[in-house]
Protein backbone atom coordinates (compact mmCIF):
# COMPACT_ATOMS: atom_id res chain seq x y z
CA UNK A 1 0.00 0.00 0.00
CA UNK A 2 1.36 3.40 -0.97
CA UNK A 3 2.11 5.80 1.86
CA UNK A 4 -0.11 8.88 2.17
CA UNK A 5 1.85 12.05 1.51
CA UNK A 6 0.78 15.00 3.62
CA UNK A 7 0.88 18.47 2.08
CA UNK A 8 0.46 20.95 4.93
CA UNK A 9 1.41 23.88 2.70
CA UNK A 10 -1.38 23.10 0.26
CA UNK A 11 -3.78 22.63 3.16
CA UNK A 12 -2.81 26.09 4.44
CA UNK A 13 -3.53 27.57 1.03
CA UNK A 14 -6.90 25.83 0.93
CA UNK A 15 -7.73 27.29 4.34
CA UNK A 16 -6.68 30.72 3.06
CA UNK A 17 -9.01 30.43 0.09
CA UNK A 18 -11.85 29.30 2.35
CA UNK A 19 -11.25 32.20 4.74
CA UNK A 20 -11.66 34.95 2.14
CA UNK A 21 -14.40 37.47 2.73
CA UNK A 22 -17.77 36.99 1.09
CA UNK A 23 -18.73 40.61 1.72
CA UNK A 24 -16.35 43.51 1.07
CA UNK A 25 -18.55 45.89 3.06
CA UNK A 26 -18.34 43.76 6.21
CA UNK A 27 -14.61 43.29 5.63
CA UNK A 28 -14.01 47.07 5.52
CA UNK A 29 -15.32 48.68 8.74
CA UNK A 30 -13.63 51.96 7.84
CA UNK A 31 -16.14 52.53 5.04
CA UNK A 32 -19.09 52.63 7.43
CA UNK A 33 -17.15 54.68 10.00
CA UNK A 34 -16.13 57.23 7.39
CA UNK A 35 -19.62 57.56 5.94
CA UNK A 36 -21.12 57.91 9.42
CA UNK A 37 -18.64 60.67 10.24
CA UNK A 38 -19.39 62.73 7.11
CA UNK A 39 -23.12 61.94 6.75
CA UNK A 40 -24.14 61.85 10.41
CA UNK A 41 -27.78 60.87 10.80
CA UNK A 42 -28.16 60.74 7.04
CA UNK A 43 -26.19 57.48 7.09
CA UNK A 44 -29.38 55.53 7.65
CA UNK A 45 -30.07 51.83 8.02
CA UNK A 46 -31.33 51.86 4.43
CA UNK A 47 -27.95 53.05 3.17
CA UNK A 48 -26.09 50.56 5.35
CA UNK A 49 -28.23 47.69 4.11
CA UNK A 50 -27.79 48.79 0.50
CA UNK A 51 -24.01 48.84 0.85
CA UNK A 52 -23.94 45.52 2.70
CA UNK A 53 -26.04 43.86 0.01
CA UNK A 54 -23.82 45.16 -2.77
CA UNK A 55 -20.66 44.29 -0.84
CA UNK A 56 -21.80 40.67 -0.90
CA UNK A 57 -22.74 40.85 -4.57
CA UNK A 58 -19.33 42.21 -5.52
CA UNK A 59 -17.46 39.56 -3.52
CA UNK A 60 -19.55 36.58 -4.61
CA UNK A 61 -20.91 37.40 -8.08
CA UNK A 62 -19.05 40.21 -9.81
CA UNK A 63 -15.58 39.10 -8.72
CA UNK A 64 -16.29 35.55 -9.88
CA UNK A 65 -17.53 36.78 -13.27
CA UNK A 66 -14.48 38.98 -13.78
CA UNK A 67 -12.20 36.11 -12.82
CA UNK A 68 -13.78 33.85 -15.46
CA UNK A 69 -13.12 36.32 -18.26
CA UNK A 70 -9.52 36.87 -17.11
CA UNK A 71 -8.85 33.15 -16.67
CA UNK A 72 -10.05 32.36 -20.19
CA UNK A 73 -8.39 35.44 -21.74
CA UNK A 74 -11.79 36.24 -23.24
CA UNK A 75 -11.35 39.95 -23.81
CA UNK A 76 -13.50 42.21 -26.03
CA UNK A 77 -13.44 41.55 -29.76
CA UNK A 78 -14.38 43.86 -32.61
CA UNK A 79 -17.01 42.58 -35.09
CA UNK A 80 -17.15 45.31 -37.75
CA UNK A 81 -19.61 43.44 -39.99
CA UNK A 82 -22.54 41.10 -39.42
CA UNK A 83 -23.05 37.79 -41.18
CA UNK A 84 -24.36 39.35 -44.38
CA UNK A 85 -21.65 41.98 -44.67
CA UNK A 86 -23.46 44.98 -43.19
CA UNK A 87 -21.27 47.31 -41.15
CA UNK A 88 -22.35 47.11 -37.49
CA UNK A 89 -19.19 47.97 -35.47
CA UNK A 90 -20.24 45.67 -32.63
CA UNK A 91 -18.12 44.69 -29.63
CA UNK A 92 -18.40 41.09 -28.48
CA UNK A 93 -17.81 40.14 -24.85
CA UNK A 94 -17.54 36.88 -22.94
CA UNK A 95 -20.90 35.99 -21.31
CA UNK A 96 -19.36 36.55 -17.87
CA UNK A 97 -19.03 40.25 -18.77
CA UNK A 98 -22.81 40.46 -19.07
CA UNK A 99 -23.19 38.67 -15.73
CA UNK A 100 -20.98 41.28 -14.04
CA UNK A 101 -22.85 44.10 -15.80
CA UNK A 102 -26.26 42.84 -14.64
CA UNK A 103 -25.12 42.74 -11.02
CA UNK A 104 -23.39 46.13 -11.25
CA UNK A 105 -26.31 47.98 -12.83
CA UNK A 106 -28.80 46.30 -10.47
CA UNK A 107 -27.09 48.10 -7.57
CA UNK A 108 -28.82 51.28 -8.74
CA UNK A 109 -25.66 53.36 -8.52
CA UNK A 110 -26.37 54.86 -11.96
CA UNK A 111 -29.57 56.33 -10.55
CA UNK A 112 -28.18 57.93 -7.40
CA UNK A 113 -29.42 61.49 -7.09
CA UNK A 114 -27.28 64.60 -7.60
CA UNK A 115 -27.45 65.43 -3.90
CA UNK A 116 -25.38 65.22 -0.74
CA UNK A 117 -26.79 61.80 0.18
CA UNK A 118 -26.54 60.60 -3.41
CA UNK A 119 -22.84 61.50 -3.60
CA UNK A 120 -22.03 59.34 -0.57
CA UNK A 121 -24.20 56.42 -1.65
CA UNK A 122 -22.50 56.45 -5.03
CA UNK A 123 -19.07 56.72 -3.39
CA UNK A 124 -19.73 53.71 -1.16
CA UNK A 125 -21.10 51.57 -3.98
CA UNK A 126 -18.32 52.46 -6.39
CA UNK A 127 -15.63 51.80 -3.78
CA UNK A 128 -17.08 48.32 -3.22
CA UNK A 129 -17.24 47.63 -6.96
CA UNK A 130 -13.59 48.63 -7.34
CA UNK A 131 -12.46 45.86 -5.00
CA UNK A 132 -12.44 43.74 -8.18
CA UNK A 133 -10.34 46.35 -10.02
CA UNK A 134 -11.86 47.86 -13.14
CA UNK A 135 -13.41 44.55 -14.14
CA UNK A 136 -14.92 45.84 -17.38
CA UNK A 137 -17.58 47.67 -15.34
CA UNK A 138 -16.03 50.56 -13.41
CA UNK A 139 -15.18 52.67 -16.46
CA UNK A 140 -18.63 52.24 -18.09
CA UNK A 141 -20.20 53.25 -14.76
CA UNK A 142 -17.99 56.36 -14.48
CA UNK A 143 -18.55 57.44 -18.08
CA UNK A 144 -22.30 56.89 -17.86
CA UNK A 145 -22.47 58.88 -14.65
CA UNK A 146 -20.43 61.70 -16.16
CA UNK A 147 -22.67 61.95 -19.19
CA UNK A 148 -25.77 61.78 -17.02
CA UNK A 149 -24.48 64.60 -14.82
CA UNK A 150 -23.66 66.69 -17.91
CA UNK A 151 -27.16 66.20 -19.32
CA UNK A 152 -28.91 66.89 -16.01
CA UNK A 153 -27.03 70.13 -15.51
CA UNK A 154 -26.37 71.38 -19.04
CA UNK A 155 -28.51 69.43 -21.50
CA UNK A 156 -31.56 70.69 -23.36
CA UNK A 157 -35.02 69.52 -22.32
CA UNK A 158 -35.19 67.43 -25.48
CA UNK A 159 -31.97 65.56 -24.68
CA UNK A 160 -32.99 65.07 -21.05
CA UNK A 161 -36.38 63.68 -22.02
CA UNK A 162 -34.83 61.38 -24.59
CA UNK A 163 -31.91 59.93 -22.66
CA UNK A 164 -31.85 60.55 -18.89
CA UNK A 165 -34.13 57.67 -17.94
CA UNK A 166 -31.99 55.20 -19.88
CA UNK A 167 -28.77 56.52 -18.39
CA UNK A 168 -30.21 56.08 -14.86
CA UNK A 169 -31.77 52.64 -15.36
CA UNK A 170 -30.79 49.72 -13.07
CA UNK A 171 -31.56 47.20 -15.84
CA UNK A 172 -28.35 46.52 -17.75
CA UNK A 173 -30.24 44.89 -20.62
CA UNK A 174 -32.14 48.07 -21.47
CA UNK A 175 -30.00 50.79 -19.88
CA UNK A 176 -28.06 53.28 -21.97
CA UNK A 177 -24.30 53.27 -21.43
CA UNK A 178 -22.29 56.42 -21.86
CA UNK A 179 -18.72 57.09 -22.91
CA UNK A 180 -16.54 60.16 -23.35
CA UNK A 181 -14.18 60.66 -26.28
CA UNK A 182 -11.85 63.64 -25.87
CA UNK A 183 -8.34 62.44 -26.69
CA UNK A 184 -6.86 62.76 -30.18
CA UNK A 185 -3.56 61.38 -31.44
CA UNK A 186 -1.87 64.71 -32.11
CA UNK A 187 -2.72 66.22 -28.74
CA UNK A 188 -3.19 63.60 -26.05
CA UNK A 189 -3.67 65.58 -22.87
CA UNK A 190 -3.33 68.78 -24.91
CA UNK A 191 -7.05 68.82 -25.69
CA UNK A 192 -6.73 72.30 -27.19
CA UNK A 193 -4.87 70.71 -30.12
CA UNK A 194 -7.94 68.69 -31.11
CA UNK A 195 -8.91 68.92 -34.77
CA UNK A 196 -12.24 67.08 -34.87
CA UNK A 197 -14.72 69.46 -36.50
CA UNK A 198 -18.48 70.02 -36.24
CA UNK A 199 -20.68 71.47 -39.00
CA UNK A 200 -24.32 72.44 -38.56
CA UNK A 201 -26.68 69.98 -40.22
CA UNK A 202 -28.60 71.61 -43.03
CA UNK A 203 -31.78 69.55 -42.54
CA UNK A 204 -32.16 68.75 -38.82
CA UNK A 205 -32.63 71.83 -36.59
CA UNK A 206 -30.12 71.97 -33.74
CA UNK A 207 -28.09 69.00 -35.00
CA UNK A 208 -24.43 68.95 -36.05
CA UNK A 209 -22.26 66.66 -38.17
CA UNK A 210 -18.97 65.63 -36.53
CA UNK A 211 -15.87 64.41 -38.35
CA UNK A 212 -12.40 63.49 -37.11
CA UNK A 213 -10.43 60.81 -35.29
CA UNK A 214 -10.55 60.05 -31.57
CA UNK A 215 -7.50 58.22 -30.30
CA UNK A 216 -8.42 56.71 -26.91
CA UNK A 217 -12.08 55.72 -26.73
CA UNK A 218 -12.92 53.53 -23.75
CA UNK A 219 -16.41 52.01 -23.48
CA UNK A 220 -16.46 51.84 -27.26
CA UNK A 221 -19.59 49.66 -26.93
CA UNK A 222 -21.52 52.58 -25.38
CA UNK A 223 -24.91 53.72 -26.65
CA UNK A 224 -24.13 57.43 -26.27
CA UNK A 225 -20.84 59.23 -26.82
CA UNK A 226 -19.93 62.54 -25.16
CA UNK A 227 -17.43 64.20 -27.52
CA UNK A 228 -15.53 67.41 -27.97
CA UNK A 229 -15.37 68.94 -31.45
CA UNK A 230 -14.58 72.36 -32.89
CA UNK A 231 -17.55 74.07 -34.57
CA UNK A 232 -16.77 75.56 -37.95
CA UNK A 233 -15.25 79.01 -37.43
CA UNK A 234 -14.57 78.55 -33.70
CA UNK A 235 -11.24 79.82 -32.34
CA UNK A 236 -8.23 77.53 -31.71
CA UNK A 237 -7.39 76.01 -28.36
CA UNK A 238 -9.78 74.81 -25.70
CA UNK A 239 -11.91 77.97 -26.01
CA UNK A 240 -13.10 76.83 -29.42
CA UNK A 241 -14.27 73.36 -28.36
CA UNK A 242 -17.92 72.42 -27.95
CA UNK A 243 -19.31 69.33 -26.20
CA UNK A 244 -21.69 67.06 -28.14
CA UNK A 245 -23.84 64.01 -27.47
CA UNK A 246 -23.50 61.50 -30.33
CA UNK A 247 -25.79 58.43 -30.34
CA UNK A 248 -24.23 55.16 -31.44
CA UNK A 249 -26.99 54.64 -33.96
CA UNK A 250 -29.84 56.71 -35.33
CA UNK A 251 -31.86 53.96 -36.98
CA UNK A 252 -31.24 51.32 -34.30
CA UNK A 253 -28.95 49.22 -36.51
CA UNK A 254 -26.27 50.98 -38.51
CA UNK A 255 -23.39 52.98 -36.96
CA UNK A 256 -23.94 56.73 -36.77
CA UNK A 257 -21.13 57.92 -39.01
CA UNK A 258 -18.24 56.14 -37.31
CA UNK A 259 -15.82 53.29 -37.88
CA UNK A 260 -13.77 51.54 -35.19
CA UNK A 261 -10.21 51.48 -36.47
CA UNK A 262 -8.99 48.92 -33.91
CA UNK A 263 -9.30 47.90 -30.27
CA UNK A 264 -6.44 48.81 -27.91
CA UNK A 265 -4.38 45.92 -26.53
CA UNK A 266 -3.84 47.36 -23.06
CA UNK A 267 -1.63 46.42 -20.11
CA UNK A 268 -4.61 46.55 -17.74
CA UNK A 269 -8.40 47.03 -17.69
CA UNK A 270 -8.38 44.31 -20.33
CA UNK A 271 -12.07 43.45 -19.98
CA UNK A 272 -12.87 47.04 -20.99
CA UNK A 273 -13.20 47.78 -24.71
CA UNK A 274 -10.99 50.74 -25.69
CA UNK A 275 -10.47 51.76 -29.31
CA UNK A 276 -9.45 54.24 -31.95
CA UNK A 277 -12.45 55.59 -33.87
CA UNK A 278 -12.89 57.57 -37.10
CA UNK A 279 -15.98 59.79 -37.34
CA UNK A 280 -17.32 61.02 -40.66
CA UNK A 281 -20.47 63.09 -40.49
CA UNK A 282 -21.74 61.57 -37.23
CA UNK A 283 -24.99 63.20 -36.11
CA UNK A 284 -24.79 64.90 -32.71
CA UNK A 285 -26.40 67.52 -30.49
CA UNK A 286 -24.67 70.11 -28.28
CA UNK A 287 -24.58 69.66 -24.52
CA UNK A 288 -24.88 73.19 -23.21
CA UNK A 289 -23.66 76.30 -25.01
CA UNK A 290 -21.13 75.79 -27.80
CA UNK A 291 -18.58 78.15 -26.24
CA UNK A 292 -18.71 76.30 -22.89
CA UNK A 293 -17.77 72.88 -24.27
CA UNK A 294 -14.38 72.48 -22.63
CA UNK A 295 -15.64 73.78 -19.28
CA UNK A 296 -18.50 71.26 -19.44
CA UNK A 297 -16.12 68.45 -20.34
CA UNK A 298 -13.90 69.27 -17.37
CA UNK A 299 -16.51 70.06 -14.72
CA UNK A 300 -18.99 67.29 -15.54
CA UNK A 301 -16.99 64.56 -17.27
CA UNK A 302 -13.36 64.77 -16.15
CA UNK A 303 -13.99 65.88 -12.56
CA UNK A 304 -16.54 63.10 -12.09
CA UNK A 305 -13.99 60.61 -13.40
CA UNK A 306 -11.19 61.96 -11.22
CA UNK A 307 -13.32 61.79 -8.08
CA UNK A 308 -14.43 58.24 -8.81
CA UNK A 309 -10.96 57.22 -9.97
CA UNK A 310 -9.70 57.97 -6.46
CA UNK A 311 -12.44 55.77 -5.01
CA UNK A 312 -11.44 53.08 -7.51
CA UNK A 313 -7.78 53.29 -6.49
CA UNK A 314 -8.87 53.05 -2.85
CA UNK A 315 -10.90 49.95 -3.64
CA UNK A 316 -7.90 48.35 -5.33
CA UNK A 317 -5.74 49.11 -2.27
CA UNK A 318 -8.38 47.71 0.05
CA UNK A 319 -8.67 44.44 -1.86
CA UNK A 320 -4.89 44.14 -1.92
CA UNK A 321 -4.72 44.50 1.84
CA UNK A 322 -7.49 41.94 2.35
CA UNK A 323 -5.73 39.43 0.09
CA UNK A 324 -2.24 39.96 1.49
CA UNK A 325 -3.20 40.09 5.18
CA UNK A 326 -5.34 36.95 4.99
CA UNK A 327 -2.59 35.14 3.07
CA UNK A 328 -0.01 36.13 5.67
CA UNK A 329 -2.18 34.71 8.45
CA UNK A 330 -2.23 31.29 6.75
CA UNK A 331 1.11 30.99 4.96
CA UNK A 332 3.79 29.24 7.06
CA UNK A 333 7.52 29.62 6.75
CA UNK A 334 10.20 28.40 9.16
CA UNK A 335 7.47 26.91 11.33
CA UNK A 336 5.36 30.07 11.85
CA UNK A 337 2.86 32.08 9.88
CA UNK A 338 4.55 34.89 8.00
CA UNK A 339 2.39 37.58 9.59
CA UNK A 340 4.65 37.24 12.63
CA UNK A 341 7.73 38.50 10.72
CA UNK A 342 8.51 42.18 11.24
CA UNK A 343 9.34 42.67 7.55
CA UNK A 344 5.92 41.32 6.52
CA UNK A 345 4.21 43.28 9.28
CA UNK A 346 5.74 46.46 7.94
CA UNK A 347 4.44 45.81 4.42
CA UNK A 348 0.97 45.02 5.73
CA UNK A 349 1.07 48.05 8.00
CA UNK A 350 1.92 50.39 5.12
CA UNK A 351 -0.88 48.85 3.04
CA UNK A 352 -3.39 49.38 5.83
CA UNK A 353 -2.23 52.94 6.52
CA UNK A 354 -2.23 54.03 2.87
CA UNK A 355 -5.65 52.50 2.22
CA UNK A 356 -7.06 54.35 5.21
CA UNK A 357 -5.45 57.62 4.05
CA UNK A 358 -6.89 57.28 0.56
CA UNK A 359 -10.32 56.56 2.03
CA UNK A 360 -10.09 59.57 4.36
CA UNK A 361 -9.06 62.14 1.74
CA UNK A 362 -11.47 60.80 -0.87
CA UNK A 363 -14.41 60.89 1.52
CA UNK A 364 -13.49 64.49 2.34
CA UNK A 365 -13.62 65.15 -1.41
CA UNK A 366 -16.98 63.34 -1.57
CA UNK A 367 -18.28 65.74 1.08
CA UNK A 368 -17.36 68.64 -1.20
CA UNK A 369 -18.98 66.92 -4.21
CA UNK A 370 -22.15 66.42 -2.16
CA UNK A 371 -22.20 70.05 -1.04
CA UNK A 372 -21.81 71.22 -4.64
CA UNK A 373 -24.49 68.81 -5.86
CA UNK A 374 -27.04 70.03 -3.33
CA UNK A 375 -26.17 73.67 -4.03
CA UNK A 376 -24.96 74.52 -0.53
CA UNK A 377 -21.18 74.76 -1.14
CA UNK A 378 -19.45 77.99 -0.17
CA UNK A 379 -17.05 79.73 -2.54
CA UNK A 380 -14.16 78.37 -0.48
CA UNK A 381 -15.51 74.81 -0.70
CA UNK A 382 -15.82 75.10 -4.48
CA UNK A 383 -12.19 76.22 -4.71
CA UNK A 384 -11.08 73.48 -2.31
CA UNK A 385 -12.87 70.95 -4.50
CA UNK A 386 -11.08 72.28 -7.57
CA UNK A 387 -7.75 71.66 -5.84
CA UNK A 388 -8.51 68.32 -4.22
CA UNK A 389 -10.23 66.60 -7.15
CA UNK A 390 -6.95 66.79 -9.08
CA UNK A 391 -4.37 66.46 -6.29
CA UNK A 392 -6.20 63.55 -4.65
CA UNK A 393 -6.54 61.63 -7.91
CA UNK A 394 -2.81 62.01 -8.52
CA UNK A 395 -1.69 60.80 -5.09
CA UNK A 396 -4.22 57.98 -4.64
CA UNK A 397 -3.57 56.50 -8.07
CA UNK A 398 0.20 56.52 -7.79
CA UNK A 399 -0.06 55.05 -4.28
CA UNK A 400 -2.37 52.26 -5.44
CA UNK A 401 0.26 50.85 -7.79
CA UNK A 402 2.82 50.84 -4.96
CA UNK A 403 0.38 49.12 -2.59
CA UNK A 404 -0.45 46.32 -5.04
CA UNK A 405 3.28 45.85 -5.65
CA UNK A 406 3.74 45.44 -1.89
CA UNK A 407 0.89 42.95 -1.80
CA UNK A 408 2.49 40.87 -4.53
CA UNK A 409 5.70 40.87 -2.51
CA UNK A 410 3.88 39.46 0.53
CA UNK A 411 2.57 36.59 -1.61
CA UNK A 412 6.04 36.02 -3.04
CA UNK A 413 6.28 34.15 -6.33
CA UNK A 414 2.65 33.14 -5.88
CA UNK A 415 1.76 36.82 -6.14
CA UNK A 416 2.71 36.84 -9.81
CA UNK A 417 0.51 33.88 -10.74
CA UNK A 418 -2.64 34.93 -12.59
CA UNK A 419 -5.02 32.32 -11.17
CA UNK A 420 -3.57 32.28 -7.66
CA UNK A 421 -4.94 35.65 -6.61
CA UNK A 422 -6.38 38.82 -8.20
CA UNK A 423 -3.20 40.80 -7.50
CA UNK A 424 -1.67 40.59 -11.00
CA UNK A 425 -4.96 41.89 -12.45
CA UNK A 426 -5.20 44.62 -9.81
CA UNK A 427 -1.61 45.68 -10.51
CA UNK A 428 -2.30 46.07 -14.22
CA UNK A 429 -5.50 47.97 -13.55
CA UNK A 430 -3.82 50.26 -11.01
CA UNK A 431 -1.22 51.32 -13.55
CA UNK A 432 -3.97 52.18 -16.04
CA UNK A 433 -5.83 54.09 -13.31
CA UNK A 434 -2.74 56.30 -13.02
CA UNK A 435 -3.24 57.63 -16.57
CA UNK A 436 -7.04 57.56 -16.54
CA UNK A 437 -8.28 61.16 -17.02
CA UNK A 438 -4.89 62.77 -16.79
CA UNK A 439 -1.30 61.73 -16.23
CA UNK A 440 0.40 62.84 -13.04
CA UNK A 441 2.30 65.68 -14.70
CA UNK A 442 -0.88 66.95 -16.38
CA UNK A 443 -2.79 67.00 -13.10
CA UNK A 444 0.05 68.66 -11.22
CA UNK A 445 0.35 71.28 -13.95
CA UNK A 446 -3.38 71.95 -13.72
CA UNK A 447 -3.20 72.41 -9.95
CA UNK A 448 -0.21 74.73 -10.36
CA UNK A 449 -2.08 76.91 -12.89
CA UNK A 450 -5.14 77.01 -10.64
CA UNK A 451 -3.02 78.00 -7.65
CA UNK A 452 -1.46 80.84 -9.63
CA UNK A 453 -4.75 82.07 -11.12
CA UNK A 454 -7.22 81.44 -8.30
CA UNK A 455 -5.11 81.63 -5.15
CA UNK A 456 -5.96 78.06 -4.15
CA UNK A 457 -3.03 77.64 -1.76
CA UNK A 458 -4.45 80.13 0.71
CA UNK A 459 -7.80 78.35 0.66
CA UNK A 460 -6.18 74.95 1.20
CA UNK A 461 -3.92 76.16 4.01
CA UNK A 462 -6.82 77.85 5.82
CA UNK A 463 -8.92 74.68 5.58
CA UNK A 464 -6.10 72.49 6.89
CA UNK A 465 -5.47 74.81 9.84
CA UNK A 466 -9.18 74.80 10.68
CA UNK A 467 -9.41 71.00 10.55
CA UNK A 468 -6.28 70.56 12.66
CA UNK A 469 -7.57 72.98 15.28
CA UNK A 470 -10.59 70.71 15.78
CA UNK A 471 -8.39 67.78 16.85
CA UNK A 472 -5.48 69.57 18.55
CA UNK A 473 -6.55 68.56 22.05
CA UNK A 474 -6.71 64.86 21.18
CA UNK A 475 -3.58 64.55 19.03
CA UNK A 476 -1.30 67.42 20.02
CA UNK A 477 2.00 65.87 18.83
CA UNK A 478 0.64 64.72 15.48
CA UNK A 479 -1.10 68.05 14.88
CA UNK A 480 2.15 69.86 15.60
CA UNK A 481 3.99 67.67 13.07
CA UNK A 482 1.34 68.33 10.44
CA UNK A 483 1.40 72.07 11.10
CA UNK A 484 5.20 72.14 10.94
CA UNK A 485 5.14 70.37 7.59
CA UNK A 486 2.51 72.79 6.31
CA UNK A 487 4.45 75.86 7.47
CA UNK A 488 7.66 74.57 5.89
CA UNK A 489 5.81 73.89 2.64
CA UNK A 490 4.17 77.29 2.37
CA UNK A 491 7.17 79.37 1.20
CA UNK A 492 8.42 76.56 -1.06
CA UNK A 493 5.03 76.21 -2.74
CA UNK A 494 4.63 79.92 -3.28
CA UNK A 495 8.10 80.05 -4.82
CA UNK A 496 7.29 77.25 -7.30
CA UNK A 497 4.14 78.93 -8.62
CA UNK A 498 5.90 80.93 -11.31
CA UNK A 499 6.66 80.41 -14.99
CA UNK A 500 10.06 78.71 -14.86
CA UNK A 501 10.46 75.09 -15.91
CA UNK A 502 12.48 74.37 -12.77
CA UNK A 503 9.54 75.50 -10.64
CA UNK A 504 7.19 73.19 -12.54
CA UNK A 505 9.38 70.21 -11.72
CA UNK A 506 9.68 71.19 -8.09
CA UNK A 507 5.95 71.85 -7.73
CA UNK A 508 5.05 68.19 -8.24
CA UNK A 509 7.22 67.19 -5.29
CA UNK A 510 5.77 69.92 -3.12
CA UNK A 511 2.20 69.07 -4.14
CA UNK A 512 2.76 65.45 -3.20
CA UNK A 513 3.79 66.46 0.31
CA UNK A 514 0.93 68.96 0.64
CA UNK A 515 -1.56 66.25 -0.32
CA UNK A 516 0.00 64.01 2.30
CA UNK A 517 -0.60 66.78 4.86
CA UNK A 518 -4.23 66.82 3.75
CA UNK A 519 -4.50 63.05 4.14
CA UNK A 520 -2.93 63.24 7.60
CA UNK A 521 -5.43 65.94 8.55
CA UNK A 522 -8.35 63.82 7.33
CA UNK A 523 -7.06 60.77 9.24
CA UNK A 524 -6.73 62.79 12.43
CA UNK A 525 -10.30 64.08 12.02
CA UNK A 526 -11.51 60.51 11.57
CA UNK A 527 -9.54 59.27 14.58
CA UNK A 528 -10.92 62.11 16.70
CA UNK A 529 -14.46 61.24 15.65
CA UNK A 530 -13.89 57.60 16.60
CA UNK A 531 -11.73 57.94 19.71
CA UNK A 532 -12.87 54.54 20.95
CA UNK A 533 -11.05 52.95 18.02
CA UNK A 534 -7.41 52.60 18.94
CA UNK A 535 -6.70 51.38 15.43
CA UNK A 536 -7.87 54.68 13.88
CA UNK A 537 -5.60 56.66 16.19
CA UNK A 538 -2.65 54.37 15.47
CA UNK A 539 -3.22 54.67 11.72
CA UNK A 540 -3.33 58.47 11.89
CA UNK A 541 -0.19 58.70 14.02
CA UNK A 542 1.66 56.17 11.90
CA UNK A 543 0.76 58.05 8.71
CA UNK A 544 1.96 61.34 10.16
CA UNK A 545 5.22 59.70 11.17
CA UNK A 546 5.63 57.90 7.86
CA UNK A 547 5.21 60.95 5.65
CA UNK A 548 5.66 64.10 7.73
CA UNK A 549 8.53 63.31 10.10
CA UNK A 550 12.07 64.48 9.47
CA UNK A 551 14.32 61.53 8.74
CA UNK A 552 11.49 59.02 8.26
CA UNK A 553 9.36 57.30 10.86
CA UNK A 554 11.06 53.94 10.35
CA UNK A 555 13.99 55.31 12.35
CA UNK A 556 11.82 55.79 15.42
CA UNK A 557 11.56 52.92 17.93
CA UNK A 558 7.79 53.37 18.21
CA UNK A 559 7.22 52.38 14.56
CA UNK A 560 6.54 48.68 15.13
CA UNK A 561 4.38 49.47 18.11
CA UNK A 562 2.20 51.48 15.77
CA UNK A 563 2.26 48.70 13.18
CA UNK A 564 1.04 46.17 15.74
CA UNK A 565 -1.83 48.47 16.71
CA UNK A 566 -2.68 49.21 13.07
CA UNK A 567 -2.92 45.50 12.30
CA UNK A 568 -4.75 44.52 15.48
Foldseek 3Di string as FASTA:
>chain_A
DDDDDDDQQVVLLVVLVVPFDLFLPVVCVLLVLLCCVLVPPLCDPVLVVLLRVLRNCLRPQLLVLLLVCLVVVFAKDWDQADPVGAGFRAIDGDVSLVRNLLSLLLSQLLQQALALSSLSSNLSNLLSNLLSPCSQPSQQSQQLSLVLQLCVVFNDPVCCVVANCLSRHSGSVRHFTEWEFQADDVQGVQSLPDAWEWEDDPPDPQKIFIWDKGFKTWCPNGQKYWYWHFYPPADTGPQRIFIKIFGQDDVVGHGQQKDFPGWDPALAPRNITITMMTGGGGMIHTRHDRRCHSVSCVPRRLLSLLLSLLSSLLSLLSSLLSSLVSQQCRRDDPHHRNCVDPVLLVLSLVSLLLSSLSVLLSSVLSSLSNCVSNVNDDPLSVLVNQQSSLLSSQQSLVVSLVSLVSSLVSVPPLSCDVPSDSSSNSNSSSVVSCPVSHHNLRSLVSNLVCCLPPVSLVSLVVVLVVLLVVQCVPCVVLSVLLVVQSVVLVVLLVVLSDDDPVSSVVSSVSSNLSSLSVSLSSLSSSCSVVVVQQLSVLSSVLSSQQRRDPPGNVVPPCNVVSSVSNVD
